[in-house]
Amino acid sequence: MEEAQKVFIELKSAYESNDLQKVSEILSELEKGNFKSKSETVTEKEKLKMAIAKLKRQIKNLENEMIAIKENETYKTIVSIKDWNTYFKETKQKLEGELKELSKEVVE
């Protein structure tokens, strides 16, 4: 049971660090039936390298999300507003004008 737990931990670590080669090696060893866990030999340095790689991927994902947000038209509109009071006042006037036009169409 302890060996299975070690294998699972090693597989999970390889998966989280997107180490497809390691995942394939683990699968191959399991299929052969002669798996020897190397989790005891994982040094603190290797663990830190895996953690750094994971953080770098997360940073890249966040950067991509930020770029997508900044390219979004809604974001661009919000950023361009200099005076919120004026913006809301003008928006209210436009909406009231549209409401009057719609009300005229319904009556006719």
PDB file of N, CA and C in Angstrom:
ATOM      1  N   MET A   1       0.828  -1.196   0.000  1.00  0.00           N
ATOM      2  CA  MET A   1       0.000   0.000   0.000  1.00  0.00           C
ATOM      3  C   MET A   1       0.868   1.254   0.000  1.00  0.00           C
ATOM      4  N   GLU A   2       1.936   1.223   0.779  1.00  0.00           N
ATOM      5  CA  GLU A   2       2.831   2.373   0.837  1.00  0.00           C
ATOM      6  C   GLU A   2       3.474   2.628  -0.518  1.00  0.00           C
ATOM      7  N   GLU A   3       3.813   1.574  -1.225  1.00  0.00           N
ATOM      8  CA  GLU A   3       4.425   1.707  -2.551  1.00  0.00           C
ATOM      9  C   GLU A   3       3.438   2.358  -3.522  1.00  0.00           C
ATOM     10  N   ALA A   4       2.173   1.954  -3.454  1.00  0.00           N
ATOM     11  CA  ALA A   4       1.149   2.541  -4.329  1.00  0.00           C
ATOM     12  C   ALA A   4       0.996   4.033  -4.042  1.00  0.00           C
ATOM     13  N   GLN A   5       1.059   4.395  -2.773  1.00  0.00           N
ATOM     14  CA  GLN A   5       0.946   5.804  -2.407  1.00  0.00           C
ATOM     15  C   GLN A   5       2.128   6.596  -2.959  1.00  0.00           C
ATOM     16  N   LYS A   6       3.318   6.019  -2.888  1.00  0.00           N
ATOM     17  CA  LYS A   6       4.509   6.677  -3.422  1.00  0.00           C
ATOM     18  C   LYS A   6       4.382   6.871  -4.931  1.00  0.00           C
ATOM     19  N   VAL A   7       3.882   5.845  -5.614  1.00  0.00           N
ATOM     20  CA  VAL A   7       3.703   5.930  -7.061  1.00  0.00           C
ATOM     21  C   VAL A   7       2.702   7.019  -7.398  1.00  0.00           C
ATOM     22  N   PHE A   8       1.602   7.050  -6.646  1.00  0.00           N
ATOM     23  CA  PHE A   8       0.580   8.059  -6.891  1.00  0.00           C
ATOM     24  C   PHE A   8       1.138   9.463  -6.685  1.00  0.00           C
ATOM     25  N   ILE A   9       1.891   9.669  -5.620  1.00  0.00           N
ATOM     26  CA  ILE A   9       2.475  10.981  -5.335  1.00  0.00           C
ATOM     27  C   ILE A   9       3.430  11.387  -6.454  1.00  0.00           C
ATOM     28  N   GLU A  10       4.249  10.450  -6.887  1.00  0.00           N
ATOM     29  CA  GLU A  10       5.195  10.743  -7.968  1.00  0.00           C
ATOM     30  C   GLU A  10       4.468  11.065  -9.268  1.00  0.00           C
ATOM     31  N   LEU A  11       3.413  10.300  -9.560  1.00  0.00           N
ATOM     32  CA  LEU A  11       2.625  10.537 -10.769  1.00  0.00           C
ATOM     33  C   LEU A  11       1.925  11.898 -10.699  1.00  0.00           C
ATOM     34  N   LYS A  12       1.370  12.209  -9.550  1.00  0.00           N
ATOM     35  CA  LYS A  12       0.688  13.491  -9.368  1.00  0.00           C
ATOM     36  C   LYS A  12       1.675  14.646  -9.543  1.00  0.00           C
ATOM     37  N   SER A  13       2.839  14.514  -8.980  1.00  0.00           N
ATOM     38  CA  SER A  13       3.862  15.552  -9.103  1.00  0.00           C
ATOM     39  C   SER A  13       4.267  15.745 -10.561  1.00  0.00           C
ATOM     40  N   ALA A  14       4.468  14.650 -11.279  1.00  0.00           N
ATOM     41  CA  ALA A  14       4.843  14.725 -12.690  1.00  0.00           C
ATOM     42  C   ALA A  14       3.723  15.365 -13.507  1.00  0.00           C
ATOM     43  N   TYR A  15       2.490  15.011 -13.202  1.00  0.00           N
ATOM     44  CA  TYR A  15       1.347  15.573 -13.911  1.00  0.00           C
ATOM     45  C   TYR A  15       1.237  17.077 -13.658  1.00  0.00           C
ATOM     46  N   GLU A  16       1.354  17.486 -12.388  1.00  0.00           N
ATOM     47  CA  GLU A  16       1.231  18.901 -12.037  1.00  0.00           C
ATOM     48  C   GLU A  16       2.340  19.749 -12.652  1.00  0.00           C
ATOM     49  N   SER A  17       3.514  19.149 -12.815  1.00  0.00           N
ATOM     50  CA  SER A  17       4.618  19.899 -13.412  1.00  0.00           C
ATOM     51  C   SER A  17       4.631  19.753 -14.935  1.00  0.00           C
ATOM     52  N   ASN A  18       3.593  19.090 -15.451  1.00  0.00           N
ATOM     53  CA  ASN A  18       3.431  18.907 -16.895  1.00  0.00           C
ATOM     54  C   ASN A  18       4.627  18.176 -17.510  1.00  0.00           C
ATOM     55  N   ASP A  19       5.169  17.233 -16.750  1.00  0.00           N
ATOM     56  CA  ASP A  19       6.308  16.436 -17.194  1.00  0.00           C
ATOM     57  C   ASP A  19       5.763  15.160 -17.850  1.00  0.00           C
ATOM     58  N   LEU A  20       5.375  15.295 -19.122  1.00  0.00           N
ATOM     59  CA  LEU A  20       4.749  14.171 -19.829  1.00  0.00           C
ATOM     60  C   LEU A  20       5.698  12.993 -19.981  1.00  0.00           C
ATOM     61  N   GLN A  21       6.966  13.280 -20.114  1.00  0.00           N
ATOM     62  CA  GLN A  21       7.954  12.200 -20.224  1.00  0.00           C
ATOM     63  C   GLN A  21       7.959  11.365 -18.945  1.00  0.00           C
ATOM     64  N   LYS A  22       7.912  12.016 -17.787  1.00  0.00           N
ATOM     65  CA  LYS A  22       7.916  11.312 -16.507  1.00  0.00           C
ATOM     66  C   LYS A  22       6.625  10.513 -16.350  1.00  0.00           C
ATOM     67  N   VAL A  23       5.508  11.085 -16.740  1.00  0.00           N
ATOM     68  CA  VAL A  23       4.230  10.376 -16.670  1.00  0.00           C
ATOM     69  C   VAL A  23       4.294   9.118 -17.538  1.00  0.00           C
ATOM     70  N   SER A  24       4.846   9.245 -18.733  1.00  0.00           N
ATOM     71  CA  SER A  24       4.980   8.091 -19.626  1.00  0.00           C
ATOM     72  C   SER A  24       5.897   7.033 -19.031  1.00  0.00           C
ATOM     73  N   GLU A  25       6.989   7.468 -18.405  1.00  0.00           N
ATOM     74  CA  GLU A  25       7.913   6.516 -17.768  1.00  0.00           C
ATOM     75  C   GLU A  25       7.215   5.745 -16.651  1.00  0.00           C
ATOM     76  N   ILE A  26       6.455   6.457 -15.833  1.00  0.00           N
ATOM     77  CA  ILE A  26       5.738   5.803 -14.733  1.00  0.00           C
ATOM     78  C   ILE A  26       4.750   4.794 -15.284  1.00  0.00           C
ATOM     79  N   LEU A  27       4.008   5.176 -16.312  1.00  0.00           N
ATOM     80  CA  LEU A  27       3.041   4.268 -16.930  1.00  0.00           C
ATOM     81  C   LEU A  27       3.742   3.036 -17.487  1.00  0.00           C
ATOM     82  N   SER A  28       4.837   3.258 -18.174  1.00  0.00           N
ATOM     83  CA  SER A  28       5.588   2.146 -18.757  1.00  0.00           C
ATOM     84  C   SER A  28       6.076   1.179 -17.680  1.00  0.00           C
ATOM     85  N   GLU A  29       6.611   1.719 -16.602  1.00  0.00           N
ATOM     86  CA  GLU A  29       7.104   0.877 -15.510  1.00  0.00           C
ATOM     87  C   GLU A  29       5.962   0.108 -14.845  1.00  0.00           C
ATOM     88  N   LEU A  30       4.823   0.777 -14.689  1.00  0.00           N
ATOM     89  CA  LEU A  30       3.665   0.094 -14.090  1.00  0.00           C
ATOM     90  C   LEU A  30       3.180  -1.034 -14.987  1.00  0.00           C
ATOM     91  N   GLU A  31       3.159  -0.783 -16.306  1.00  0.00           N
ATOM     92  CA  GLU A  31       2.717  -1.818 -17.247  1.00  0.00           C
ATOM     93  C   GLU A  31       3.660  -3.016 -17.239  1.00  0.00           C
ATOM     94  N   LYS A  32       4.953  -2.760 -17.044  1.00  0.00           N
ATOM     95  CA  LYS A  32       5.940  -3.844 -16.982  1.00  0.00           C
ATOM     96  C   LYS A  32       5.872  -4.581 -15.652  1.00  0.00           C
ATOM     97  N   GLY A  33       5.314  -3.922 -14.658  1.00  0.00           N
ATOM     98  CA  GLY A  33       5.208  -4.550 -13.348  1.00  0.00           C
ATOM     99  C   GLY A  33       6.474  -4.463 -12.513  1.00  0.00           C
ATOM    100  N   ASN A  34       7.437  -3.706 -12.947  1.00  0.00           N
ATOM    101  CA  ASN A  34       8.683  -3.623 -12.182  1.00  0.00           C
ATOM    102  C   ASN A  34       8.975  -2.184 -11.760  1.00  0.00           C
ATOM    103  N   PHE A  35       7.958  -1.519 -11.300  1.00  0.00           N
ATOM    104  CA  PHE A  35       8.132  -0.127 -10.914  1.00  0.00           C
ATOM    105  C   PHE A  35       8.907  -0.027  -9.610  1.00  0.00           C
ATOM    106  N   LYS A  36       9.870   0.861  -9.625  1.00  0.00           N
ATOM    107  CA  LYS A  36      10.613   1.176  -8.420  1.00  0.00           C
ATOM    108  C   LYS A  36      10.469   2.674  -8.199  1.00  0.00           C
ATOM    109  N   SER A  37       9.857   3.024  -7.117  1.00  0.00           N
ATOM    110  CA  SER A  37       9.617   4.438  -6.840  1.00  0.00           C
ATOM    111  C   SER A  37      10.919   5.188  -6.652  1.00  0.00           C
ATOM    112  N   LYS A  38      10.971   6.327  -7.288  1.00  0.00           N
ATOM    113  CA  LYS A  38      12.142   7.178  -7.147  1.00  0.00           C
ATOM    114  C   LYS A  38      11.810   8.384  -6.282  1.00  0.00           C
ATOM    115  N   SER A  39      10.641   8.353  -5.652  1.00  0.00           N
ATOM    116  CA  SER A  39      10.218   9.522  -4.888  1.00  0.00           C
ATOM    117  C   SER A  39      11.139   9.796  -3.706  1.00  0.00           C
ATOM    118  N   GLU A  40      11.793   8.764  -3.175  1.00  0.00           N
ATOM    119  CA  GLU A  40      12.704   8.992  -2.060  1.00  0.00           C
ATOM    120  C   GLU A  40      13.941   9.749  -2.518  1.00  0.00           C
ATOM    121  N   THR A  41      14.283   9.617  -3.801  1.00  0.00           N
ATOM    122  CA  THR A  41      15.502  10.249  -4.292  1.00  0.00           C
ATOM    123  C   THR A  41      15.270  11.670  -4.784  1.00  0.00           C
ATOM    124  N   VAL A  42      14.038  12.106  -4.775  1.00  0.00           N
ATOM    125  CA  VAL A  42      13.750  13.463  -5.213  1.00  0.00           C
ATOM    126  C   VAL A  42      14.326  14.413  -4.167  1.00  0.00           C
ATOM    127  N   THR A  43      15.236  15.215  -4.613  1.00  0.00           N
ATOM    128  CA  THR A  43      15.891  16.137  -3.687  1.00  0.00           C
ATOM    129  C   THR A  43      15.049  17.377  -3.468  1.00  0.00           C
ATOM    130  N   GLU A  44      15.408  18.096  -2.446  1.00  0.00           N
ATOM    131  CA  GLU A  44      14.718  19.346  -2.152  1.00  0.00           C
ATOM    132  C   GLU A  44      14.861  20.308  -3.333  1.00  0.00           C
ATOM    133  N   LYS A  45      16.026  20.292  -3.967  1.00  0.00           N
ATOM    134  CA  LYS A  45      16.276  21.154  -5.116  1.00  0.00           C
ATOM    135  C   LYS A  45      15.331  20.799  -6.264  1.00  0.00           C
ATOM    136  N   GLU A  46      15.130  19.506  -6.514  1.00  0.00           N
ATOM    137  CA  GLU A  46      14.228  19.088  -7.587  1.00  0.00           C
ATOM    138  C   GLU A  46      12.785  19.487  -7.281  1.00  0.00           C
ATOM    139  N   LYS A  47      12.413  19.370  -6.003  1.00  0.00           N
ATOM    140  CA  LYS A  47      11.060  19.776  -5.609  1.00  0.00           C
ATOM    141  C   LYS A  47      10.871  21.272  -5.851  1.00  0.00           C
ATOM    142  N   LEU A  48      11.880  22.053  -5.500  1.00  0.00           N
ATOM    143  CA  LEU A  48      11.798  23.498  -5.719  1.00  0.00           C
ATOM    144  C   LEU A  48      11.745  23.824  -7.207  1.00  0.00           C
ATOM    145  N   LYS A  49      12.504  23.100  -8.010  1.00  0.00           N
ATOM    146  CA  LYS A  49      12.473  23.323  -9.459  1.00  0.00           C
ATOM    147  C   LYS A  49      11.077  23.046 -10.008  1.00  0.00           C
ATOM    148  N   MET A  50      10.446  21.973  -9.525  1.00  0.00           N
ATOM    149  CA  MET A  50       9.088  21.642  -9.976  1.00  0.00           C
ATOM    150  C   MET A  50       8.108  22.726  -9.545  1.00  0.00           C
ATOM    151  N   ALA A  51       8.267  23.213  -8.313  1.00  0.00           N
ATOM    152  CA  ALA A  51       7.382  24.260  -7.825  1.00  0.00           C
ATOM    153  C   ALA A  51       7.569  25.537  -8.640  1.00  0.00           C
ATOM    154  N   ILE A  52       8.813  25.864  -8.969  1.00  0.00           N
ATOM    155  CA  ILE A  52       9.098  27.054  -9.776  1.00  0.00           C
ATOM    156  C   ILE A  52       8.481  26.914 -11.169  1.00  0.00           C
ATOM    157  N   ALA A  53       8.620  25.734 -11.762  1.00  0.00           N
ATOM    158  CA  ALA A  53       8.047  25.502 -13.094  1.00  0.00           C
ATOM    159  C   ALA A  53       6.528  25.678 -13.061  1.00  0.00           C
ATOM    160  N   LYS A  54       5.903  25.166 -12.008  1.00  0.00           N
ATOM    161  CA  LYS A  54       4.450  25.298 -11.872  1.00  0.00           C
ATOM    162  C   LYS A  54       4.063  26.772 -11.731  1.00  0.00           C
ATOM    163  N   LEU A  55       4.814  27.512 -10.910  1.00  0.00           N
ATOM    164  CA  LEU A  55       4.529  28.932 -10.724  1.00  0.00           C
ATOM    165  C   LEU A  55       4.733  29.720 -12.021  1.00  0.00           C
ATOM    166  N   LYS A  56       5.752  29.358 -12.788  1.00  0.00           N
ATOM    167  CA  LYS A  56       5.986  30.037 -14.068  1.00  0.00           C
ATOM    168  C   LYS A  56       4.817  29.819 -15.019  1.00  0.00           C
ATOM    169  N   ARG A  57       4.268  28.599 -15.028  1.00  0.00           N
ATOM    170  CA  ARG A  57       3.101  28.320 -15.876  1.00  0.00           C
ATOM    171  C   ARG A  57       1.902  29.150 -15.413  1.00  0.00           C
ATOM    172  N   GLN A  58       1.721  29.241 -14.097  1.00  0.00           N
ATOM    173  CA  GLN A  58       0.610  30.023 -13.575  1.00  0.00           C
ATOM    174  C   GLN A  58       0.775  31.498 -13.914  1.00  0.00           C
ATOM    175  N   ILE A  59       1.995  32.012 -13.826  1.00  0.00           N
ATOM    176  CA  ILE A  59       2.264  33.403 -14.183  1.00  0.00           C
ATOM    177  C   ILE A  59       1.943  33.640 -15.648  1.00  0.00           C
ATOM    178  N   LYS A  60       2.376  32.719 -16.509  1.00  0.00           N
ATOM    179  CA  LYS A  60       2.116  32.862 -17.945  1.00  0.00           C
ATOM    180  C   LYS A  60       0.613  32.862 -18.220  1.00  0.00           C
ATOM    181  N   ASN A  61      -0.122  31.984 -17.538  1.00  0.00           N
ATOM    182  CA  ASN A  61      -1.579  31.946 -17.713  1.00  0.00           C
ATOM    183  C   ASN A  61      -2.212  33.261 -17.283  1.00  0.00           C
ATOM    184  N   LEU A  62      -1.752  33.809 -16.152  1.00  0.00           N
ATOM    185  CA  LEU A  62      -2.290  35.084 -15.679  1.00  0.00           C
ATOM    186  C   LEU A  62      -1.948  36.223 -16.634  1.00  0.00           C
ATOM    187  N   GLU A  63      -0.732  36.205 -17.178  1.00  0.00           N
ATOM    188  CA  GLU A  63      -0.357  37.224 -18.158  1.00  0.00           C
ATOM    189  C   GLU A  63      -1.261  37.156 -19.378  1.00  0.00           C
ATOM    190  N   ASN A  64      -1.537  35.951 -19.849  1.00  0.00           N
ATOM    191  CA  ASN A  64      -2.426  35.789 -21.009  1.00  0.00           C
ATOM    192  C   ASN A  64      -3.835  36.288 -20.698  1.00  0.00           C
ATOM    193  N   GLU A  65      -4.317  36.015 -19.484  1.00  0.00           N
ATOM    194  CA  GLU A  65      -5.640  36.494 -19.089  1.00  0.00           C
ATOM    195  C   GLU A  65      -5.665  38.022 -19.032  1.00  0.00           C
ATOM    196  N   MET A  66      -4.592  38.622 -18.507  1.00  0.00           N
ATOM    197  CA  MET A  66      -4.522  40.088 -18.433  1.00  0.00           C
ATOM    198  C   MET A  66      -4.516  40.705 -19.825  1.00  0.00           C
ATOM    199  N   ILE A  67      -3.794  40.097 -20.745  1.00  0.00           N
ATOM    200  CA  ILE A  67      -3.758  40.595 -22.125  1.00  0.00           C
ATOM    201  C   ILE A  67      -5.155  40.529 -22.732  1.00  0.00           C
ATOM    202  N   ALA A  68      -5.841  39.401 -22.512  1.00  0.00           N
ATOM    203  CA  ALA A  68      -7.201  39.240 -23.053  1.00  0.00           C
ATOM    204  C   ALA A  68      -8.145  40.289 -22.473  1.00  0.00           C
ATOM    205  N   ILE A  69      -8.013  40.565 -21.183  1.00  0.00           N
ATOM    206  CA  ILE A  69      -8.865  41.573 -20.547  1.00  0.00           C
ATOM    207  C   ILE A  69      -8.591  42.947 -21.146  1.00  0.00           C
ATOM    208  N   LYS A  70      -7.313  43.284 -21.298  1.00  0.00           N
ATOM    209  CA  LYS A  70      -6.958  44.606 -21.819  1.00  0.00           C
ATOM    210  C   LYS A  70      -7.381  44.793 -23.268  1.00  0.00           C
ATOM    211  N   GLU A  71      -7.531  43.712 -24.013  1.00  0.00           N
ATOM    212  CA  GLU A  71      -7.975  43.797 -25.407  1.00  0.00           C
ATOM    213  C   GLU A  71      -9.498  43.821 -25.520  1.00  0.00           C
ATOM    214  N   ASN A  72     -10.196  43.572 -24.428  1.00  0.00           N
ATOM    215  CA  ASN A  72     -11.648  43.530 -24.399  1.00  0.00           C
ATOM    216  C   ASN A  72     -12.221  44.941 -24.545  1.00  0.00           C
ATOM    217  N   GLU A  73     -13.253  45.085 -25.354  1.00  0.00           N
ATOM    218  CA  GLU A  73     -13.858  46.396 -25.611  1.00  0.00           C
ATOM    219  C   GLU A  73     -14.429  47.027 -24.340  1.00  0.00           C
ATOM    220  N   THR A  74     -15.007  46.224 -23.478  1.00  0.00           N
ATOM    221  CA  THR A  74     -15.563  46.756 -22.234  1.00  0.00           C
ATOM    222  C   THR A  74     -14.464  47.378 -21.387  1.00  0.00           C
ATOM    223  N   TYR A  75     -13.340  46.693 -21.270  1.00  0.00           N
ATOM    224  CA  TYR A  75     -12.206  47.230 -20.519  1.00  0.00           C
ATOM    225  C   TYR A  75     -11.744  48.556 -21.118  1.00  0.00           C
ATOM    226  N   LYS A  76     -11.635  48.590 -22.441  1.00  0.00           N
ATOM    227  CA  LYS A  76     -11.183  49.810 -23.108  1.00  0.00           C
ATOM    228  C   LYS A  76     -12.143  50.965 -22.845  1.00  0.00           C
ATOM    229  N   THR A  77     -13.430  50.673 -22.845  1.00  0.00           N
ATOM    230  CA  THR A  77     -14.428  51.705 -22.567  1.00  0.00           C
ATOM    231  C   THR A  77     -14.281  52.226 -21.143  1.00  0.00           C
ATOM    232  N   ILE A  78     -14.164  51.315 -20.201  1.00  0.00           N
ATOM    233  CA  ILE A  78     -14.046  51.704 -18.792  1.00  0.00           C
ATOM    234  C   ILE A  78     -12.796  52.545 -18.562  1.00  0.00           C
ATOM    235  N   VAL A  79     -11.696  52.150 -19.157  1.00  0.00           N
ATOM    236  CA  VAL A  79     -10.441  52.873 -18.972  1.00  0.00           C
ATOM    237  C   VAL A  79     -10.511  54.272 -19.586  1.00  0.00           C
ATOM    238  N   SER A  80     -11.271  54.407 -20.645  1.00  0.00           N
ATOM    239  CA  SER A  80     -11.337  55.703 -21.335  1.00  0.00           C
ATOM    240  C   SER A  80     -12.220  56.726 -20.621  1.00  0.00           C
ATOM    241  N   ILE A  81     -13.022  56.295 -19.670  1.00  0.00           N
ATOM    242  CA  ILE A  81     -13.928  57.215 -18.966  1.00  0.00           C
ATOM    243  C   ILE A  81     -13.111  58.067 -17.997  1.00  0.00           C
ATOM    244  N   LYS A  82     -13.176  59.378 -18.207  1.00  0.00           N
ATOM    245  CA  LYS A  82     -12.424  60.316 -17.359  1.00  0.00           C
ATOM    246  C   LYS A  82     -13.268  60.832 -16.203  1.00  0.00           C
ATOM    247  N   ASP A  83     -14.541  61.079 -16.475  1.00  0.00           N
ATOM    248  CA  ASP A  83     -15.431  61.627 -15.447  1.00  0.00           C
ATOM    249  C   ASP A  83     -16.664  60.726 -15.371  1.00  0.00           C
ATOM    250  N   TRP A  84     -16.759  59.942 -14.307  1.00  0.00           N
ATOM    251  CA  TRP A  84     -17.847  58.981 -14.173  1.00  0.00           C
ATOM    252  C   TRP A  84     -19.201  59.679 -14.026  1.00  0.00           C
ATOM    253  N   ASN A  85     -19.237  60.797 -13.355  1.00  0.00           N
ATOM    254  CA  ASN A  85     -20.515  61.508 -13.200  1.00  0.00           C
ATOM    255  C   ASN A  85     -21.056  61.937 -14.560  1.00  0.00           C
ATOM    256  N   THR A  86     -20.188  62.488 -15.390  1.00  0.00           N
ATOM    257  CA  THR A  86     -20.594  62.902 -16.733  1.00  0.00           C
ATOM    258  C   THR A  86     -21.024  61.690 -17.555  1.00  0.00           C
ATOM    259  N   TYR A  87     -20.251  60.614 -17.465  1.00  0.00           N
ATOM    260  CA  TYR A  87     -20.565  59.390 -18.212  1.00  0.00           C
ATOM    261  C   TYR A  87     -21.961  58.892 -17.857  1.00  0.00           C
ATOM    262  N   PHE A  88     -22.264  58.805 -16.555  1.00  0.00           N
ATOM    263  CA  PHE A  88     -23.569  58.291 -16.144  1.00  0.00           C
ATOM    264  C   PHE A  88     -24.689  59.267 -16.505  1.00  0.00           C
ATOM    265  N   LYS A  89     -24.406  60.558 -16.415  1.00  0.00           N
ATOM    266  CA  LYS A  89     -25.415  61.549 -16.787  1.00  0.00           C
ATOM    267  C   LYS A  89     -25.753  61.429 -18.270  1.00  0.00           C
ATOM    268  N   GLU A  90     -24.726  61.332 -19.126  1.00  0.00           N
ATOM    269  CA  GLU A  90     -24.941  61.194 -20.570  1.00  0.00           C
ATOM    270  C   GLU A  90     -25.635  59.879 -20.903  1.00  0.00           C
ATOM    271  N   THR A  91     -25.234  58.818 -20.225  1.00  0.00           N
ATOM    272  CA  THR A  91     -25.860  57.511 -20.463  1.00  0.00           C
ATOM    273  C   THR A  91     -27.329  57.549 -20.079  1.00  0.00           C
ATOM    274  N   LYS A  92     -27.628  58.193 -18.959  1.00  0.00           N
ATOM    275  CA  LYS A  92     -29.020  58.324 -18.520  1.00  0.00           C
ATOM    276  C   LYS A  92     -29.834  59.087 -19.556  1.00  0.00           C
ATOM    277  N   GLN A  93     -29.284  60.186 -20.073  1.00  0.00           N
ATOM    278  CA  GLN A  93     -29.991  60.987 -21.071  1.00  0.00           C
ATOM    279  C   GLN A  93     -30.249  60.170 -22.337  1.00  0.00           C
ATOM    280  N   LYS A  94     -29.242  59.390 -22.764  1.00  0.00           N
ATOM    281  CA  LYS A  94     -29.415  58.555 -23.962  1.00  0.00           C
ATOM    282  C   LYS A  94     -30.508  57.516 -23.750  1.00  0.00           C
ATOM    283  N   LEU A  95     -30.492  56.888 -22.583  1.00  0.00           N
ATOM    284  CA  LEU A  95     -31.498  55.857 -22.289  1.00  0.00           C
ATOM    285  C   LEU A  95     -32.895  56.452 -22.185  1.00  0.00           C
ATOM    286  N   GLU A  96     -33.000  57.628 -21.575  1.00  0.00           N
ATOM    287  CA  GLU A  96     -34.309  58.290 -21.496  1.00  0.00           C
ATOM    288  C   GLU A  96     -34.822  58.649 -22.891  1.00  0.00           C
ATOM    289  N   GLY A  97     -33.901  59.089 -23.787  1.00  0.00           N
ATOM    290  CA  GLY A  97     -34.280  59.393 -25.171  1.00  0.00           C
ATOM    291  C   GLY A  97     -34.751  58.151 -25.901  1.00  0.00           C
ATOM    292  N   GLU A  98     -34.049  57.057 -25.710  1.00  0.00           N
ATOM    293  CA  GLU A  98     -34.459  55.797 -26.343  1.00  0.00           C
ATOM    294  C   GLU A  98     -35.803  55.331 -25.818  1.00  0.00           C
ATOM    295  N   LEU A  99     -36.026  55.502 -24.520  1.00  0.00           N
ATOM    296  CA  LEU A  99     -37.307  55.119 -23.923  1.00  0.00           C
ATOM    297  C   LEU A  99     -38.449  55.936 -24.520  1.00  0.00           C
ATOM    298  N   LYS A 100     -38.243  57.231 -24.722  1.00  0.00           N
ATOM    299  CA  LYS A 100     -39.272  58.083 -25.329  1.00  0.00           C
ATOM    300  C   LYS A 100     -39.579  57.626 -26.744  1.00  0.00           C
ATOM    301  N   GLU A 101     -38.523  57.312 -27.503  1.00  0.00           N
ATOM    302  CA  GLU A 101     -38.715  56.844 -28.886  1.00  0.00           C
ATOM    303  C   GLU A 101     -39.485  55.528 -28.906  1.00  0.00           C
ATOM    304  N   LEU A 102     -39.126  54.619 -28.015  1.00  0.00           N
ATOM    305  CA  LEU A 102     -39.839  53.335 -27.948  1.00  0.00           C
ATOM    306  C   LEU A 102     -41.281  53.527 -27.523  1.00  0.00           C
ATOM    307  N   SER A 103     -41.500  54.456 -26.610  1.00  0.00           N
ATOM    308  CA  SER A 103     -42.881  54.719 -26.159  1.00  0.00           C
ATOM    309  C   SER A 103     -43.722  55.284 -27.296  1.00  0.00           C
ATOM    310  N   LYS A 104     -43.143  56.134 -28.151  1.00  0.00           N
ATOM    311  CA  LYS A 104     -43.857  56.691 -29.299  1.00  0.00           C
ATOM    312  C   LYS A 104     -44.230  55.579 -30.271  1.00  0.00           C
ATOM    313  N   GLU A 105     -43.309  54.639 -30.486  1.00  0.00           N
ATOM    314  CA  GLU A 105     -43.571  53.562 -31.423  1.00  0.00           C
ATOM    315  C   GLU A 105     -44.700  52.658 -30.946  1.00  0.00           C
ATOM    316  N   VAL A 106     -44.778  52.446 -29.642  1.00  0.00           N
ATOM    317  CA  VAL A 106     -45.823  51.586 -29.073  1.00  0.00           C
ATOM    318  C   VAL A 106     -47.189  52.257 -29.216  1.00  0.00           C
ATOM    319  N   VAL A 107     -47.257  53.572 -29.014  1.00  0.00           N
ATOM    320  CA  VAL A 107     -48.511  54.314 -29.101  1.00  0.00           C
ATOM    321  C   VAL A 107     -49.003  54.328 -30.539  1.00  0.00           C
ATOM    322  N   GLU A 108     -48.111  54.452 -31.485  1.00  0.00           N
ATOM    323  CA  GLU A 108     -48.507  54.556 -32.899  1.00  0.00           C
ATOM    324  C   GLU A 108     -48.925  53.244 -33.406  1.00  0.00           C
TER     325      GLU A 108
END
